[in-house]
Amino acid sequence: MPANPFLASRAYASTGLETAIADASPEQLILMLHDGLLESLHRARLAMAEGRIAEKGEAVSKALAILTEGLMPALDPERGGDIAANLAALYEYMITRLMLGNLQNDAAPLDEVAKLVQELKGAWQQLAARPAARLAPLPASEVPPSGARVGLSFGVA
């Protein structure tokens, strides 16, 4: 009996993702979480626009899980200090906005969160692109426009 190509492609994609995760730096893992969060927000927005309430709820739930189970636990308040505290507050704000947007079936809060995530992702991309010395603090001239020196949230210095 021939193999189902759809199942085979899903297995291949799953293996590829597992390999990418295993080989990723902490910065790359955070970027993957940001990508997943943005994808979930996009799916929620589309489902909302098309009136697919169950799919919207699932996508918002996935976005909330990425925030609460992925990004927030990655913060190290002890080593990250004010930056980790500020990111935690920002993540809490995002959670509140997502829940409000979901309950009110309003895309504006989802769009707001997506914009914030894009800004954070830009800062993480700068961090991930730095050479091995990337763990040193960024010079003031290289601080991302948002002012978030997020690399320190993991306590790397």
C-alpha atoms as a PDB file:
ATOM      1  CA  MET A   1       0.000   0.000   0.000  1.00  0.00           C
ATOM      2  CA  PRO A   2       1.534   3.389  -0.976  1.00  0.00           C
ATOM      3  CA  ALA A   3       2.374   5.839   1.788  1.00  0.00           C
ATOM      4  CA  ASN A   4       0.149   8.860   2.236  1.00  0.00           C
ATOM      5  CA  PRO A   5       2.193  11.793   0.866  1.00  0.00           C
ATOM      6  CA  PHE A   6       0.493  14.238   3.240  1.00  0.00           C
ATOM      7  CA  LEU A   7       1.460  12.180   6.300  1.00  0.00           C
ATOM      8  CA  ALA A   8       4.971  11.696   4.952  1.00  0.00           C
ATOM      9  CA  SER A   9       5.411  15.436   4.424  1.00  0.00           C
ATOM     10  CA  ARG A  10       4.135  16.166   7.930  1.00  0.00           C
ATOM     11  CA  ALA A  11       6.578  13.653   9.399  1.00  0.00           C
ATOM     12  CA  TYR A  12       9.399  15.203   7.381  1.00  0.00           C
ATOM     13  CA  ALA A  13       8.439  18.719   8.524  1.00  0.00           C
ATOM     14  CA  SER A  14       8.233  17.565  12.127  1.00  0.00           C
ATOM     15  CA  THR A  15      11.698  16.021  11.922  1.00  0.00           C
ATOM     16  CA  GLY A  16      13.055  19.198  10.350  1.00  0.00           C
ATOM     17  CA  LEU A  17      11.554  21.329  13.118  1.00  0.00           C
ATOM     18  CA  GLU A  18      12.945  19.051  15.823  1.00  0.00           C
ATOM     19  CA  THR A  19      16.394  19.278  14.241  1.00  0.00           C
ATOM     20  CA  ALA A  20      16.162  23.068  13.952  1.00  0.00           C
ATOM     21  CA  ILE A  21      15.184  23.334  17.610  1.00  0.00           C
ATOM     22  CA  ALA A  22      17.960  21.017  18.751  1.00  0.00           C
ATOM     23  CA  ASP A  23      20.583  23.015  16.826  1.00  0.00           C
ATOM     24  CA  ALA A  24      19.258  26.488  17.679  1.00  0.00           C
ATOM     25  CA  SER A  25      20.898  29.070  19.911  1.00  0.00           C
ATOM     26  CA  PRO A  26      18.777  30.676  22.644  1.00  0.00           C
ATOM     27  CA  GLU A  27      18.303  33.704  20.374  1.00  0.00           C
ATOM     28  CA  GLN A  28      17.166  31.510  17.488  1.00  0.00           C
ATOM     29  CA  LEU A  29      14.702  29.703  19.751  1.00  0.00           C
ATOM     30  CA  ILE A  30      13.188  33.021  20.786  1.00  0.00           C
ATOM     31  CA  LEU A  31      12.946  34.000  17.111  1.00  0.00           C
ATOM     32  CA  MET A  32      11.118  30.730  16.418  1.00  0.00           C
ATOM     33  CA  LEU A  33       8.665  31.554  19.208  1.00  0.00           C
ATOM     34  CA  HIS A  34       8.139  35.018  17.737  1.00  0.00           C
ATOM     35  CA  ASP A  35       7.514  33.483  14.314  1.00  0.00           C
ATOM     36  CA  GLY A  36       4.992  31.061  15.792  1.00  0.00           C
ATOM     37  CA  LEU A  37       3.301  33.884  17.670  1.00  0.00           C
ATOM     38  CA  LEU A  38       3.046  36.018  14.528  1.00  0.00           C
ATOM     39  CA  GLU A  39       1.701  33.066  12.538  1.00  0.00           C
ATOM     40  CA  SER A  40      -0.943  32.398  15.199  1.00  0.00           C
ATOM     41  CA  LEU A  41      -1.958  36.051  15.227  1.00  0.00           C
ATOM     42  CA  HIS A  42      -2.221  36.031  11.436  1.00  0.00           C
ATOM     43  CA  ARG A  43      -4.405  32.906  11.503  1.00  0.00           C
ATOM     44  CA  ALA A  44      -6.583  34.415  14.241  1.00  0.00           C
ATOM     45  CA  ARG A  45      -7.018  37.617  12.243  1.00  0.00           C
ATOM     46  CA  LEU A  46      -8.020  35.715   9.084  1.00  0.00           C
ATOM     47  CA  ALA A  47     -10.419  33.462  10.966  1.00  0.00           C
ATOM     48  CA  MET A  48     -11.960  36.481  12.682  1.00  0.00           C
ATOM     49  CA  ALA A  49     -12.458  38.270   9.355  1.00  0.00           C
ATOM     50  CA  GLU A  50     -14.100  35.179   7.884  1.00  0.00           C
ATOM     51  CA  GLY A  51     -16.315  34.525  10.912  1.00  0.00           C
ATOM     52  CA  ARG A  52     -14.664  31.208  11.783  1.00  0.00           C
ATOM     53  CA  ILE A  53     -14.981  31.628  15.547  1.00  0.00           C
ATOM     54  CA  ALA A  54     -13.641  28.214  16.607  1.00  0.00           C
ATOM     55  CA  GLU A  55     -10.506  28.601  14.472  1.00  0.00           C
ATOM     56  CA  LYS A  56     -10.020  32.148  15.776  1.00  0.00           C
ATOM     57  CA  GLY A  57     -10.217  30.845  19.344  1.00  0.00           C
ATOM     58  CA  GLU A  58      -7.707  28.087  18.622  1.00  0.00           C
ATOM     59  CA  ALA A  59      -5.249  30.514  17.029  1.00  0.00           C
ATOM     60  CA  VAL A  60      -5.567  33.017  19.890  1.00  0.00           C
ATOM     61  CA  SER A  61      -5.112  30.176  22.378  1.00  0.00           C
ATOM     62  CA  LYS A  62      -1.925  29.110  20.618  1.00  0.00           C
ATOM     63  CA  ALA A  63      -0.642  32.704  20.700  1.00  0.00           C
ATOM     64  CA  LEU A  64      -1.411  32.893  24.424  1.00  0.00           C
ATOM     65  CA  ALA A  65       0.373  29.590  25.016  1.00  0.00           C
ATOM     66  CA  ILE A  66       3.480  30.850  23.215  1.00  0.00           C
ATOM     67  CA  LEU A  67       3.507  33.891  25.481  1.00  0.00           C
ATOM     68  CA  THR A  68       2.762  32.068  28.747  1.00  0.00           C
ATOM     69  CA  GLU A  69       4.592  28.786  28.146  1.00  0.00           C
ATOM     70  CA  GLY A  70       7.427  29.883  25.870  1.00  0.00           C
ATOM     71  CA  LEU A  71       8.432  33.514  26.155  1.00  0.00           C
ATOM     72  CA  MET A  72       7.611  34.313  29.776  1.00  0.00           C
ATOM     73  CA  PRO A  73       9.403  31.272  31.250  1.00  0.00           C
ATOM     74  CA  ALA A  74      12.482  32.167  29.185  1.00  0.00           C
ATOM     75  CA  LEU A  75      12.920  35.363  31.172  1.00  0.00           C
ATOM     76  CA  ASP A  76      15.465  35.338  33.981  1.00  0.00           C
ATOM     77  CA  PRO A  77      14.391  38.097  36.407  1.00  0.00           C
ATOM     78  CA  GLU A  78      17.451  37.589  38.573  1.00  0.00           C
ATOM     79  CA  ARG A  79      20.008  38.001  35.808  1.00  0.00           C
ATOM     80  CA  GLY A  80      17.893  40.094  33.447  1.00  0.00           C
ATOM     81  CA  GLY A  81      16.938  42.759  35.977  1.00  0.00           C
ATOM     82  CA  ASP A  82      14.817  45.613  34.708  1.00  0.00           C
ATOM     83  CA  ILE A  83      14.849  44.335  31.145  1.00  0.00           C
ATOM     84  CA  ALA A  84      13.359  40.993  32.132  1.00  0.00           C
ATOM     85  CA  ALA A  85      10.795  42.788  34.318  1.00  0.00           C
ATOM     86  CA  ASN A  86       9.872  45.109  31.450  1.00  0.00           C
ATOM     87  CA  LEU A  87       9.503  42.195  29.053  1.00  0.00           C
ATOM     88  CA  ALA A  88       7.338  40.337  31.569  1.00  0.00           C
ATOM     89  CA  ALA A  89       5.104  43.401  31.867  1.00  0.00           C
ATOM     90  CA  LEU A  90       4.949  43.691  28.070  1.00  0.00           C
ATOM     91  CA  TYR A  91       4.027  40.012  27.727  1.00  0.00           C
ATOM     92  CA  GLU A  92       1.279  40.464  30.361  1.00  0.00           C
ATOM     93  CA  TYR A  93      -0.027  43.444  28.401  1.00  0.00           C
ATOM     94  CA  MET A  94      -0.026  41.360  25.203  1.00  0.00           C
ATOM     95  CA  ILE A  95      -1.923  38.573  26.960  1.00  0.00           C
ATOM     96  CA  THR A  96      -4.554  41.033  28.166  1.00  0.00           C
ATOM     97  CA  ARG A  97      -4.916  42.570  24.707  1.00  0.00           C
ATOM     98  CA  LEU A  98      -5.248  39.143  23.046  1.00  0.00           C
ATOM     99  CA  MET A  99      -7.922  38.045  25.482  1.00  0.00           C
ATOM    100  CA  LEU A 100      -9.816  41.298  24.958  1.00  0.00           C
ATOM    101  CA  GLY A 101      -9.590  41.034  21.177  1.00  0.00           C
ATOM    102  CA  ASN A 102     -10.782  37.455  21.299  1.00  0.00           C
ATOM    103  CA  LEU A 103     -13.716  38.191  23.603  1.00  0.00           C
ATOM    104  CA  GLN A 104     -14.824  41.279  21.681  1.00  0.00           C
ATOM    105  CA  ASN A 105     -14.061  39.757  18.269  1.00  0.00           C
ATOM    106  CA  ASP A 106     -11.953  42.838  17.566  1.00  0.00           C
ATOM    107  CA  ALA A 107      -8.893  42.625  15.337  1.00  0.00           C
ATOM    108  CA  ALA A 108      -7.312  45.878  16.574  1.00  0.00           C
ATOM    109  CA  PRO A 109      -5.794  44.348  19.734  1.00  0.00           C
ATOM    110  CA  LEU A 110      -4.411  41.433  17.687  1.00  0.00           C
ATOM    111  CA  ASP A 111      -2.852  43.877  15.244  1.00  0.00           C
ATOM    112  CA  GLU A 112      -1.369  45.865  18.134  1.00  0.00           C
ATOM    113  CA  VAL A 113       0.202  42.741  19.602  1.00  0.00           C
ATOM    114  CA  ALA A 114       1.529  41.701  16.183  1.00  0.00           C
ATOM    115  CA  LYS A 115       3.226  45.098  15.829  1.00  0.00           C
ATOM    116  CA  LEU A 116       4.829  44.768  19.271  1.00  0.00           C
ATOM    117  CA  VAL A 117       6.028  41.251  18.465  1.00  0.00           C
ATOM    118  CA  GLN A 118       7.526  42.462  15.170  1.00  0.00           C
ATOM    119  CA  GLU A 119       9.506  45.118  17.054  1.00  0.00           C
ATOM    120  CA  LEU A 120      10.779  42.581  19.589  1.00  0.00           C
ATOM    121  CA  LYS A 121      11.612  40.154  16.817  1.00  0.00           C
ATOM    122  CA  GLY A 122      13.727  42.835  15.127  1.00  0.00           C
ATOM    123  CA  ALA A 123      15.763  43.267  18.303  1.00  0.00           C
ATOM    124  CA  TRP A 124      16.244  39.500  18.609  1.00  0.00           C
ATOM    125  CA  GLN A 125      17.287  39.277  14.955  1.00  0.00           C
ATOM    126  CA  GLN A 126      20.007  41.825  15.632  1.00  0.00           C
ATOM    127  CA  LEU A 127      21.163  39.796  18.616  1.00  0.00           C
ATOM    128  CA  ALA A 128      21.146  36.513  16.727  1.00  0.00           C
ATOM    129  CA  ALA A 129      23.127  38.046  13.860  1.00  0.00           C
ATOM    130  CA  ARG A 130      26.001  39.133  16.071  1.00  0.00           C
ATOM    131  CA  PRO A 131      29.170  37.002  16.015  1.00  0.00           C
ATOM    132  CA  ALA A 132      30.268  34.884  18.989  1.00  0.00           C
ATOM    133  CA  ALA A 133      30.846  38.053  20.981  1.00  0.00           C
ATOM    134  CA  ARG A 134      27.103  38.710  20.653  1.00  0.00           C
ATOM    135  CA  LEU A 135      26.616  37.909  24.307  1.00  0.00           C
ATOM    136  CA  ALA A 136      28.309  41.141  25.325  1.00  0.00           C
ATOM    137  CA  PRO A 137      25.990  44.098  25.901  1.00  0.00           C
ATOM    138  CA  LEU A 138      25.147  46.106  22.817  1.00  0.00           C
ATOM    139  CA  PRO A 139      26.867  49.475  22.517  1.00  0.00           C
ATOM    140  CA  ALA A 140      24.394  52.339  22.946  1.00  0.00           C
ATOM    141  CA  SER A 141      24.671  53.112  19.229  1.00  0.00           C
ATOM    142  CA  GLU A 142      23.375  49.611  18.372  1.00  0.00           C
ATOM    143  CA  VAL A 143      20.397  49.476  20.721  1.00  0.00           C
ATOM    144  CA  PRO A 144      17.298  48.673  18.638  1.00  0.00           C
ATOM    145  CA  PRO A 145      14.885  51.566  18.089  1.00  0.00           C
ATOM    146  CA  SER A 146      12.420  50.097  20.570  1.00  0.00           C
ATOM    147  CA  GLY A 147      15.118  50.515  23.242  1.00  0.00           C
ATOM    148  CA  ALA A 148      14.737  46.893  24.274  1.00  0.00           C
ATOM    149  CA  ARG A 149      18.115  45.289  24.927  1.00  0.00           C
ATOM    150  CA  VAL A 150      16.343  41.991  25.197  1.00  0.00           C
ATOM    151  CA  GLY A 151      19.455  39.784  25.125  1.00  0.00           C
ATOM    152  CA  LEU A 152      20.013  40.629  28.743  1.00  0.00           C
ATOM    153  CA  SER A 153      16.652  39.142  29.655  1.00  0.00           C
ATOM    154  CA  PHE A 154      18.320  35.739  29.551  1.00  0.00           C
ATOM    155  CA  GLY A 155      21.040  36.990  31.801  1.00  0.00           C
ATOM    156  CA  VAL A 156      23.688  36.874  29.117  1.00  0.00           C
ATOM    157  CA  ALA A 157      26.208  39.647  29.492  1.00  0.00           C
END
